[in-house]
Protein backbone atom coordinates (compact mmCIF):
# COMPACT_ATOMS: atom_id res chain seq x y z
CA MET A 1 38.73 83.56 57.99
CA THR A 2 36.73 81.30 55.71
CA LYS A 3 33.31 79.90 56.51
CA LEU A 4 34.82 76.42 56.90
CA GLN A 5 37.23 77.43 59.66
CA LYS A 6 35.94 76.67 63.12
CA VAL A 7 36.48 79.12 65.94
CA ILE A 8 37.05 77.22 69.20
CA CYS A 9 36.13 78.82 72.52
CA PRO A 10 39.24 78.99 74.73
CA ILE A 11 37.03 78.64 77.82
CA CYS A 12 34.93 75.55 77.06
CA ASP A 13 36.94 74.17 74.08
CA ARG A 14 33.82 73.82 71.89
CA PRO A 15 33.26 75.23 68.37
CA ILE A 16 31.51 78.61 68.40
CA PRO A 17 28.74 79.17 65.82
CA ALA A 18 28.99 82.59 64.16
CA SER A 19 25.78 83.69 65.87
CA GLN A 20 27.31 83.04 69.31
CA GLN A 21 30.77 84.63 68.87
CA ASP A 22 31.60 87.42 71.32
CA ALA A 23 34.93 89.24 71.40
CA HIS A 24 36.28 89.33 74.98
CA HIS A 25 39.04 91.70 76.06
CA LEU A 26 41.42 89.56 78.12
CA ILE A 27 42.26 92.72 80.07
CA PRO A 28 39.21 95.00 80.14
CA LYS A 29 39.40 98.08 77.92
CA SER A 30 38.80 100.22 81.02
CA LYS A 31 42.06 98.80 82.42
CA GLY A 32 44.05 99.41 79.22
CA GLY A 33 43.44 96.08 77.50
CA ARG A 34 43.50 95.71 73.74
CA THR A 35 43.79 92.00 73.00
CA THR A 36 40.56 90.10 72.35
CA GLU A 37 39.60 86.48 71.86
CA PHE A 38 36.34 85.06 70.54
CA LEU A 39 34.30 83.22 73.16
CA HIS A 40 30.83 81.70 73.22
CA ARG A 41 28.39 84.44 74.20
CA ILE A 42 27.33 82.37 77.24
CA CYS A 43 30.95 81.85 78.37
CA HIS A 44 31.61 85.58 77.97
CA GLN A 45 28.53 86.45 80.02
CA GLN A 46 29.52 84.01 82.76
CA ILE A 47 32.97 85.59 83.07
CA HIS A 48 31.48 89.06 83.53
CA ALA A 49 28.86 87.71 85.94
CA LEU A 50 31.54 86.26 88.21
CA PHE A 51 34.44 88.71 88.08
CA THR A 52 34.99 92.43 88.41
CA GLU A 53 37.03 94.28 85.82
CA THR A 54 39.85 94.64 88.37
CA GLU A 55 39.85 90.88 89.00
CA LEU A 56 39.89 90.24 85.26
CA ALA A 57 42.79 92.64 84.72
CA ASN A 58 44.89 91.41 87.65
CA GLN A 59 44.12 87.71 88.05
CA PHE A 60 41.99 86.32 85.25
CA ASN A 61 43.49 87.82 82.10
CA HIS A 62 44.20 84.47 80.45
CA PRO A 63 41.82 81.65 79.46
CA LEU A 64 43.73 79.12 81.60
CA ALA A 65 43.40 81.29 84.70
CA LEU A 66 39.65 81.54 84.06
CA GLN A 67 39.37 77.77 83.53
CA ASP A 68 41.15 77.10 86.84
CA HIS A 69 38.62 79.03 88.93
CA PRO A 70 36.22 76.59 90.74
CA GLU A 71 33.03 78.44 89.74
CA MET A 72 34.15 78.54 86.11
CA GLN A 73 35.02 74.83 86.25
CA ARG A 74 31.49 74.05 87.42
CA PHE A 75 30.06 76.26 84.64
CA ILE A 76 32.29 74.63 81.99
CA ARG A 77 31.21 71.12 83.03
CA TRP A 78 27.58 72.23 82.74
CA VAL A 79 27.88 74.13 79.43
CA LYS A 80 29.72 71.25 77.75
CA THR A 81 26.48 69.25 78.03
CA LYS A 82 24.68 71.87 75.89
CA PRO A 83 24.60 72.31 72.09
CA ASN A 84 27.26 74.66 70.70
CA ALA A 85 24.63 77.28 69.85
CA PHE A 86 23.00 77.16 73.31
CA TYR A 87 22.49 80.51 75.03
CA GLU A 88 20.79 81.44 78.26
CA ARG A 89 20.96 84.71 80.15
CA THR A 90 23.42 84.68 83.03
CA ARG A 91 22.75 86.29 86.39
CA LYS A 92 25.39 88.54 87.86
CA SER A 93 27.01 87.30 91.06
CA ALA A 94 25.61 88.90 94.21
CA ARG A 95 29.16 89.74 95.36
CA ILE A 96 29.80 92.04 92.38
CA LYS A 97 28.70 95.62 92.84
CA ASN A 98 28.69 97.99 89.86
């Protein structure tokens, strides 16, 4: 990939600056996943704050499935108002127990 090529986040559909690119396993590695896609770091953190690895493996293993979830839709509307390089720590959902 050349410097001029833009990487677009499949979650929020915005360009991802190199400093904010995170590789996300569509199916978690712990569940046998191998395929990754680059996401904004903040989008990646939001996914893991909302969903368990089992939910990601079984229900949310595609960007469109993630985009369809109501809490992700609310997040996407919010993050689209931010600069592409914006990052803020994300709190884990209270319903997720590790």
